[in-house]
Amino acid sequence: MEQKYLGKGDTAFMAACTGLIVANIYYCQPLVVLISKEWGLHESMAGRVTYLTQIGYALGLLLLVPLGDILERRKQILISTGITVLALLLAATAHSFIILQIASVLIGVFSIVPQLILPLAASLCHDSKRGSTIGTIMAGLLIGILASRSLSGTIGSLYGWRAMYYIAAGVCAVLLVLMRLRFPSSRPSFNGHYGHLMKSVAHYAMTQPLLRQAAVTNALSFAVVSAFWVTMVLFLSAPPFGFKSLEIGMFGLAGAAGALAAPLIGKISDGRDPRNNIIIGLVCELLSFIAFYFTGSGIFLLLAGIIILDVGHQSVQVTNQTIIYSILPEARNRFNTVFMTSTFIGGATGSALGLFLWNVGHWPAVCAGCCGVILVNIFLFFRNRAKAVRNMEIAVQKA
């Protein structure tokens, strides 16, 4: 993969790597019950491995992803993947829950490789193909997330929870060899030291309005998505449905529509004004929660809403990533740090908001509250667009 621009096969390989590595973050979720039984823990205690992995991922996003602009990218990807293999093996062989918790944090910290691959791909593809390339790789990431839970649950039930970590370590070891052979080397775009690098992250967050707008829009978008998935379990497990966890998990398959739509959305984002895709995505999110509100005792509107919600969020995220990767090529990793850290903060806040609204007024309150968040997002979008038009008119008048 030494050519200047990526081919379709190269993009597909990067998408596969992204999906297989991001899955490491989600394997633990269906294994909580099995872990609790091995050490005689309460399920809520065993569940710590899920949020410790997420905390590790957030730390990796903040502290390690910016290094992609100061280090040779392939080297950082390979080192991170190698440490991930060791962390997965540590989890598989853990003799105490404390060791498993430490391993979970490490798995999260060094599974940030997908967020290193995305800027690398953006730097290797032609400007006219950047959106479609990002969309394809995002599709791989989404498929990895969707498949990880069902795969982990199946492997855990058949062979035990440790087997999943052994398999994941083997997969990452194979990827390490393949990425070493196929990924191109790149030149660092930042010459300062790490302290200056992190200061520049804050500087870009404060001085780049398009980056701030993309980060805020995506954070609010991911907030309502997280609020939905957290409270959907409560909604479907209660009357009139009374579904079990296995049945509820099947609803996640409807989210595959977002993975299928991401490449198309990315291709459209290569047009003249990709921001149009953002407002379309936000409208889709609004329509989805209206469908959720009127779901009643049937599931048709719920399934339709899940598909529309996921397509809407992917429209927002893929388009925003296309925009920020086009601003300053030499700072793509730092831009991605601001963008993805904001996104995960939005997701965590949305989960908390969803649970709060459920306690206040159950499903109707969740749907109404999320509609309110989406309307705020739409308002901010049009306000920012109007401000950009005014600034352009002022610049023209001064010229």
Protein backbone atom coordinates (compact mmCIF):
# COMPACT_ATOMS: atom_id res chain seq x y z
CA MET A 1 0.00 0.00 0.00
CA GLU A 2 2.77 2.37 -0.98
CA GLN A 3 0.81 4.34 -3.60
CA LYS A 4 -0.09 7.92 -2.96
CA TYR A 5 -3.83 7.36 -3.01
CA LEU A 6 -5.86 4.52 -1.55
CA GLY A 7 -7.48 1.93 -3.77
CA LYS A 8 -10.77 0.20 -2.99
CA GLY A 9 -8.96 -2.83 -1.61
CA ASP A 10 -6.83 -0.66 0.68
CA THR A 11 -9.90 1.15 1.99
CA ALA A 12 -11.70 -2.15 2.60
CA PHE A 13 -8.69 -3.49 4.50
CA MET A 14 -8.57 -0.39 6.69
CA ALA A 15 -12.32 -0.73 7.32
CA ALA A 16 -11.83 -4.36 8.38
CA CYS A 17 -8.98 -3.43 10.74
CA THR A 18 -11.09 -0.66 12.24
CA GLY A 19 -14.04 -2.94 12.88
CA LEU A 20 -12.03 -5.82 14.33
CA ILE A 21 -10.08 -3.58 16.71
CA VAL A 22 -12.96 -1.39 17.92
CA ALA A 23 -14.78 -4.63 18.83
CA ASN A 24 -12.31 -5.05 21.73
CA ILE A 25 -14.16 -2.31 23.60
CA TYR A 26 -17.52 -4.09 23.44
CA TYR A 27 -16.64 -7.77 23.90
CA CYS A 28 -16.90 -7.48 27.68
CA GLN A 29 -20.53 -6.33 27.80
CA PRO A 30 -22.26 -9.72 27.28
CA LEU A 31 -19.67 -11.44 29.51
CA VAL A 32 -20.53 -9.62 32.75
CA VAL A 33 -22.76 -12.41 34.11
CA LEU A 34 -20.13 -15.08 33.41
CA ILE A 35 -17.42 -12.97 35.04
CA SER A 36 -19.58 -12.38 38.12
CA LYS A 37 -20.20 -16.11 38.53
CA GLU A 38 -16.51 -17.03 38.37
CA TRP A 39 -15.52 -14.80 41.28
CA GLY A 40 -18.85 -14.73 43.12
CA LEU A 41 -19.38 -11.02 42.44
CA HIS A 42 -22.59 -9.07 42.18
CA GLU A 43 -23.38 -8.35 38.53
CA SER A 44 -23.15 -4.60 39.12
CA MET A 45 -19.64 -5.11 40.49
CA ALA A 46 -18.59 -7.27 37.54
CA GLY A 47 -20.09 -4.64 35.27
CA ARG A 48 -17.21 -2.33 36.17
CA VAL A 49 -15.20 -3.86 33.35
CA THR A 50 -17.59 -2.26 30.84
CA TYR A 51 -17.19 1.34 31.97
CA LEU A 52 -13.51 0.90 32.85
CA THR A 53 -12.92 -0.09 29.23
CA GLN A 54 -14.83 3.02 28.12
CA ILE A 55 -12.83 5.21 30.51
CA GLY A 56 -9.63 3.75 29.10
CA TYR A 57 -10.83 4.48 25.59
CA ALA A 58 -11.60 8.10 26.50
CA LEU A 59 -8.12 8.47 28.03
CA GLY A 60 -6.56 7.02 24.89
CA LEU A 61 -8.52 9.42 22.72
CA LEU A 62 -7.39 12.40 24.74
CA LEU A 63 -3.77 11.48 25.43
CA LEU A 64 -2.63 9.17 22.62
CA VAL A 65 -4.55 10.06 19.46
CA PRO A 66 -2.86 13.51 19.18
CA LEU A 67 0.50 11.69 19.00
CA GLY A 68 -0.45 10.69 15.47
CA ASP A 69 0.65 14.17 14.39
CA ILE A 70 4.05 13.93 16.13
CA LEU A 71 4.90 10.25 15.55
CA GLU A 72 5.09 8.19 12.39
CA ARG A 73 1.48 6.94 12.13
CA ARG A 74 2.11 3.34 11.11
CA LYS A 75 4.57 2.91 13.97
CA GLN A 76 2.05 4.23 16.49
CA ILE A 77 -0.67 1.96 15.08
CA LEU A 78 1.56 -1.10 15.32
CA ILE A 79 2.78 -0.32 18.85
CA SER A 80 -0.78 0.33 20.06
CA THR A 81 -2.02 -2.92 18.51
CA GLY A 82 0.87 -4.86 20.05
CA ILE A 83 0.08 -3.55 23.53
CA THR A 84 -3.60 -4.34 22.93
CA VAL A 85 -2.65 -7.98 22.29
CA LEU A 86 -0.80 -8.08 25.62
CA ALA A 87 -3.72 -6.42 27.44
CA LEU A 88 -6.19 -8.94 25.99
CA LEU A 89 -3.94 -11.81 27.08
CA LEU A 90 -3.71 -10.26 30.55
CA ALA A 91 -7.51 -10.25 30.72
CA ALA A 92 -7.74 -13.83 29.46
CA THR A 93 -5.32 -15.08 32.13
CA ALA A 94 -6.44 -12.81 35.00
CA HIS A 95 -6.45 -14.65 38.34
CA SER A 96 -8.27 -11.88 40.19
CA PHE A 97 -10.91 -9.29 39.41
CA ILE A 98 -8.46 -6.47 40.15
CA ILE A 99 -6.18 -7.72 37.36
CA LEU A 100 -9.14 -7.94 34.99
CA GLN A 101 -10.08 -4.35 35.79
CA ILE A 102 -6.53 -3.17 35.07
CA ALA A 103 -6.53 -5.13 31.83
CA SER A 104 -9.88 -3.59 30.87
CA VAL A 105 -8.49 -0.07 31.21
CA LEU A 106 -5.45 -0.99 29.11
CA ILE A 107 -7.64 -2.61 26.44
CA GLY A 108 -9.60 0.64 26.18
CA VAL A 109 -6.54 2.90 26.16
CA PHE A 110 -4.79 1.09 23.32
CA SER A 111 -7.82 0.16 21.23
CA ILE A 112 -7.82 3.72 19.86
CA VAL A 113 -6.26 2.40 16.63
CA PRO A 114 -9.46 3.08 14.61
CA GLN A 115 -9.09 6.76 15.47
CA LEU A 116 -5.52 6.61 14.13
CA ILE A 117 -6.53 4.79 10.95
CA LEU A 118 -9.18 7.38 10.04
CA PRO A 119 -6.75 10.35 9.85
CA LEU A 120 -4.21 8.14 8.07
CA ALA A 121 -6.79 7.20 5.44
CA ALA A 122 -7.89 10.83 5.10
CA SER A 123 -4.28 11.83 4.39
CA LEU A 124 -3.86 9.12 1.73
CA CYS A 125 -7.07 9.54 -0.25
CA HIS A 126 -7.78 12.08 -2.97
CA ASP A 127 -9.71 15.17 -1.84
CA SER A 128 -12.65 14.24 -4.07
CA LYS A 129 -12.87 10.78 -2.44
CA ARG A 130 -12.33 11.72 1.20
CA GLY A 131 -15.98 11.54 2.20
CA SER A 132 -16.62 8.15 0.60
CA THR A 133 -13.38 6.76 2.08
CA ILE A 134 -14.28 7.90 5.58
CA GLY A 135 -17.80 6.54 5.11
CA THR A 136 -16.48 3.11 4.13
CA ILE A 137 -14.13 2.93 7.11
CA MET A 138 -16.91 4.11 9.43
CA ALA A 139 -19.07 1.30 8.06
CA GLY A 140 -16.37 -1.17 9.11
CA LEU A 141 -16.28 0.39 12.56
CA LEU A 142 -20.06 0.14 12.94
CA ILE A 143 -20.16 -3.46 11.79
CA GLY A 144 -17.44 -4.27 14.33
CA ILE A 145 -19.51 -2.73 17.12
CA LEU A 146 -22.69 -4.53 16.02
CA ALA A 147 -21.04 -7.92 15.58
CA SER A 148 -18.89 -7.82 18.72
CA ARG A 149 -21.72 -8.21 21.22
CA SER A 150 -23.40 -11.15 19.51
CA LEU A 151 -20.06 -12.85 18.85
CA SER A 152 -18.89 -12.37 22.42
CA GLY A 153 -22.16 -13.66 23.86
CA THR A 154 -22.01 -16.77 21.69
CA ILE A 155 -18.34 -17.54 22.40
CA GLY A 156 -18.82 -16.90 26.12
CA SER A 157 -21.82 -19.22 26.38
CA LEU A 158 -20.00 -22.03 24.53
CA TYR A 159 -16.43 -21.79 25.79
CA GLY A 160 -16.39 -19.33 28.71
CA TRP A 161 -15.58 -15.63 28.95
CA ARG A 162 -11.80 -16.10 28.81
CA ALA A 163 -12.03 -17.69 25.36
CA MET A 164 -13.29 -14.44 23.87
CA TYR A 165 -10.25 -12.56 25.10
CA TYR A 166 -7.91 -15.25 23.73
CA ILE A 167 -9.64 -15.09 20.34
CA ALA A 168 -9.51 -11.28 20.32
CA ALA A 169 -5.78 -11.38 21.12
CA GLY A 170 -5.24 -13.79 18.22
CA VAL A 171 -7.21 -11.59 15.83
CA CYS A 172 -5.21 -8.51 16.81
CA ALA A 173 -1.94 -10.43 16.47
CA VAL A 174 -2.84 -11.40 12.90
CA LEU A 175 -3.85 -7.81 12.15
CA LEU A 176 -0.55 -6.60 13.55
CA VAL A 177 1.34 -8.65 10.95
CA LEU A 178 -0.97 -7.65 8.10
CA MET A 179 -0.87 -3.95 8.97
CA ARG A 180 2.91 -4.11 9.18
CA LEU A 181 2.94 -5.43 5.60
CA ARG A 182 0.21 -3.24 4.08
CA PHE A 183 0.07 0.09 5.89
CA PRO A 184 2.32 2.82 4.42
CA SER A 185 4.72 4.90 6.44
CA SER A 186 3.95 8.59 6.90
CA ARG A 187 5.80 11.72 7.88
CA PRO A 188 5.00 13.46 11.20
CA SER A 189 3.37 16.84 10.69
CA PHE A 190 4.31 18.38 14.07
CA ASN A 191 7.87 19.16 15.10
CA GLY A 192 7.38 20.24 18.73
CA HIS A 193 7.28 18.14 21.90
CA TYR A 194 4.25 16.52 23.54
CA GLY A 195 3.45 19.51 25.79
CA HIS A 196 3.29 21.82 22.80
CA LEU A 197 1.19 19.22 20.98
CA MET A 198 -1.45 19.13 23.72
CA LYS A 199 -1.46 22.92 23.95
CA SER A 200 -2.14 23.01 20.22
CA VAL A 201 -5.13 20.70 20.74
CA ALA A 202 -6.65 23.27 23.09
CA HIS A 203 -5.63 26.06 20.70
CA TYR A 204 -7.43 24.45 17.77
CA ALA A 205 -10.52 23.83 19.88
CA MET A 206 -10.65 27.54 20.73
CA THR A 207 -9.68 29.01 17.35
CA GLN A 208 -11.30 26.70 14.76
CA PRO A 209 -15.03 27.44 14.56
CA LEU A 210 -15.76 24.61 12.12
CA LEU A 211 -14.11 22.13 14.48
CA ARG A 212 -16.10 23.44 17.45
CA GLN A 213 -19.35 23.33 15.51
CA ALA A 214 -18.68 19.77 14.32
CA ALA A 215 -17.77 18.65 17.86
CA VAL A 216 -20.87 20.19 19.46
CA THR A 217 -23.22 18.94 16.74
CA ASN A 218 -21.86 15.41 16.95
CA ALA A 219 -21.87 15.39 20.76
CA LEU A 220 -25.55 16.34 20.87
CA SER A 221 -26.34 13.83 18.12
CA PHE A 222 -24.57 11.00 19.94
CA ALA A 223 -26.24 12.06 23.20
CA VAL A 224 -29.72 11.24 21.91
CA VAL A 225 -28.48 7.98 20.35
CA SER A 226 -26.99 6.91 23.70
CA ALA A 227 -30.12 7.98 25.57
CA PHE A 228 -32.20 5.78 23.28
CA TRP A 229 -30.09 2.62 23.57
CA VAL A 230 -29.84 2.90 27.37
CA THR A 231 -33.59 3.33 27.92
CA MET A 232 -34.74 1.00 25.13
CA VAL A 233 -33.75 -1.97 27.33
CA LEU A 234 -36.01 -0.66 30.12
CA PHE A 235 -38.82 0.05 27.66
CA LEU A 236 -38.81 -3.39 26.06
CA SER A 237 -38.37 -5.32 29.29
CA ALA A 238 -41.46 -3.67 30.80
CA PRO A 239 -45.13 -4.37 29.89
CA PRO A 240 -46.64 -4.71 27.35
CA PHE A 241 -43.54 -6.29 25.78
CA GLY A 242 -41.77 -8.07 28.64
CA PHE A 243 -38.87 -9.08 26.37
CA LYS A 244 -35.83 -10.96 27.69
CA SER A 245 -32.25 -9.79 27.12
CA LEU A 246 -31.73 -12.11 24.14
CA GLU A 247 -34.83 -10.74 22.40
CA ILE A 248 -33.89 -7.15 23.20
CA GLY A 249 -30.40 -7.72 21.80
CA MET A 250 -31.87 -8.66 18.43
CA PHE A 251 -33.16 -5.10 18.00
CA GLY A 252 -29.56 -3.98 17.70
CA LEU A 253 -29.40 -5.67 14.31
CA ALA A 254 -31.67 -2.95 12.96
CA GLY A 255 -28.78 -0.56 13.53
CA ALA A 256 -26.93 -2.31 10.69
CA ALA A 257 -28.74 0.07 8.36
CA GLY A 258 -26.45 2.84 9.57
CA ALA A 259 -23.39 0.79 8.65
CA LEU A 260 -24.78 0.18 5.17
CA ALA A 261 -25.65 3.85 4.73
CA ALA A 262 -22.31 5.29 5.87
CA PRO A 263 -20.41 4.81 2.55
CA LEU A 264 -23.27 6.40 0.59
CA ILE A 265 -23.45 9.31 3.03
CA GLY A 266 -19.69 9.76 2.74
CA LYS A 267 -19.90 9.80 -1.05
CA ILE A 268 -22.60 12.46 -0.92
CA SER A 269 -20.40 14.44 1.49
CA ASP A 270 -17.88 14.83 -1.34
CA GLY A 271 -20.32 17.29 -2.95
CA ARG A 272 -20.22 21.07 -2.90
CA ASP A 273 -21.90 21.68 0.47
CA PRO A 274 -21.78 18.56 2.66
CA ARG A 275 -23.39 20.46 5.54
CA ASN A 276 -26.76 19.79 3.92
CA ASN A 277 -26.29 16.17 5.01
CA ILE A 278 -26.09 17.31 8.63
CA ILE A 279 -29.51 18.95 8.67
CA ILE A 280 -30.97 15.93 6.85
CA GLY A 281 -29.46 13.69 9.53
CA LEU A 282 -30.86 15.83 12.36
CA VAL A 283 -34.32 15.78 10.80
CA CYS A 284 -34.06 11.97 10.56
CA GLU A 285 -33.21 11.82 14.27
CA LEU A 286 -36.22 13.99 15.08
CA LEU A 287 -38.53 11.78 13.01
CA SER A 288 -37.16 8.68 14.73
CA PHE A 289 -38.08 9.90 18.21
CA ILE A 290 -41.52 10.92 16.99
CA ALA A 291 -41.90 7.31 15.80
CA PHE A 292 -40.64 6.04 19.16
CA TYR A 293 -43.19 8.19 21.01
CA PHE A 294 -46.08 6.59 19.11
CA THR A 295 -44.70 3.04 19.25
CA GLY A 296 -47.42 1.79 21.61
CA SER A 297 -47.66 -1.99 21.94
CA GLY A 298 -46.34 -2.76 18.44
CA ILE A 299 -42.76 -2.87 17.24
CA PHE A 300 -43.04 -1.63 13.64
CA LEU A 301 -42.54 2.04 14.51
CA LEU A 302 -39.74 1.10 16.91
CA LEU A 303 -37.85 -0.84 14.23
CA ALA A 304 -38.41 1.89 11.65
CA GLY A 305 -37.26 4.49 14.16
CA ILE A 306 -34.06 2.58 14.96
CA ILE A 307 -33.13 2.46 11.28
CA ILE A 308 -33.91 6.15 10.76
CA LEU A 309 -32.04 7.14 13.96
CA ASP A 310 -28.90 5.26 12.99
CA VAL A 311 -28.91 6.56 9.43
CA GLY A 312 -29.46 10.08 10.76
CA HIS A 313 -26.57 9.88 13.23
CA GLN A 314 -24.22 8.46 10.61
CA SER A 315 -25.17 11.29 8.27
CA VAL A 316 -24.17 13.77 10.97
CA GLN A 317 -20.97 12.02 12.04
CA VAL A 318 -19.52 11.04 8.65
CA THR A 319 -20.22 14.50 7.23
CA ASN A 320 -18.66 16.25 10.22
CA GLN A 321 -15.56 14.06 9.98
CA THR A 322 -15.27 14.81 6.27
CA ILE A 323 -15.40 18.53 7.07
CA ILE A 324 -12.83 18.56 9.89
CA TYR A 325 -10.35 16.36 8.00
CA SER A 326 -10.39 18.94 5.20
CA ILE A 327 -9.40 21.94 7.34
CA LEU A 328 -5.75 21.43 8.34
CA PRO A 329 -4.25 18.17 7.01
CA GLU A 330 -1.22 18.46 9.32
CA ALA A 331 -3.48 18.49 12.41
CA ARG A 332 -5.94 15.71 11.57
CA ASN A 333 -5.15 13.60 14.65
CA ARG A 334 -5.52 16.59 16.97
CA PHE A 335 -8.79 17.57 15.29
CA ASN A 336 -9.97 13.98 15.70
CA THR A 337 -9.06 14.15 19.40
CA VAL A 338 -11.29 17.16 19.96
CA PHE A 339 -14.06 15.68 17.83
CA MET A 340 -14.16 12.15 19.31
CA THR A 341 -13.58 13.22 22.92
CA SER A 342 -16.53 15.61 22.61
CA THR A 343 -18.58 12.83 21.04
CA PHE A 344 -17.97 10.43 23.93
CA ILE A 345 -18.68 13.16 26.49
CA GLY A 346 -21.96 13.73 24.68
CA GLY A 347 -22.70 10.00 24.74
CA ALA A 348 -22.06 9.70 28.48
CA THR A 349 -24.19 12.78 29.18
CA GLY A 350 -26.95 11.42 26.95
CA SER A 351 -26.99 8.10 28.82
CA ALA A 352 -27.37 9.92 32.14
CA LEU A 353 -30.06 12.18 30.69
CA GLY A 354 -31.97 9.20 29.30
CA LEU A 355 -32.03 7.46 32.69
CA PHE A 356 -33.10 10.70 34.40
CA LEU A 357 -35.96 11.21 31.94
CA TRP A 358 -37.01 7.57 32.36
CA ASN A 359 -37.29 8.08 36.12
CA VAL A 360 -39.28 11.29 35.56
CA GLY A 361 -41.81 10.08 33.02
CA HIS A 362 -40.69 6.79 31.46
CA TRP A 363 -40.73 6.37 27.66
CA PRO A 364 -42.78 9.48 26.73
CA ALA A 365 -40.43 11.69 28.75
CA VAL A 366 -37.36 10.13 27.08
CA CYS A 367 -38.79 10.73 23.61
CA ALA A 368 -39.88 14.30 24.40
CA GLY A 369 -36.58 15.17 26.04
CA CYS A 370 -34.55 13.80 23.14
CA CYS A 371 -36.72 15.72 20.68
CA GLY A 372 -35.83 18.84 22.67
CA VAL A 373 -32.10 18.10 22.40
CA ILE A 374 -32.41 17.54 18.64
CA LEU A 375 -34.32 20.83 18.20
CA VAL A 376 -31.53 22.64 20.07
CA ASN A 377 -29.03 21.00 17.72
CA ILE A 378 -31.03 22.13 14.68
CA PHE A 379 -31.22 25.68 16.07
CA LEU A 380 -27.45 25.79 16.62
CA PHE A 381 -26.88 24.46 13.10
CA PHE A 382 -28.88 27.24 11.44
CA ARG A 383 -27.44 29.89 13.76
CA ASN A 384 -23.90 28.84 12.84
CA ARG A 385 -24.77 28.76 9.14
CA ALA A 386 -26.27 32.25 9.29
CA LYS A 387 -23.18 33.50 11.14
CA ALA A 388 -20.91 32.01 8.50
CA VAL A 389 -22.89 33.74 5.73
CA ARG A 390 -22.64 37.10 7.54
CA ASN A 391 -18.89 36.71 7.99
CA MET A 392 -18.51 35.91 4.31
CA GLU A 393 -20.52 39.00 3.33
CA ILE A 394 -18.38 41.18 5.60
CA ALA A 395 -15.20 39.74 4.10
CA VAL A 396 -16.48 40.45 0.57
CA GLN A 397 -17.37 44.04 1.49
CA LYS A 398 -13.91 44.64 2.98
CA ALA A 399 -12.27 43.24 -0.14
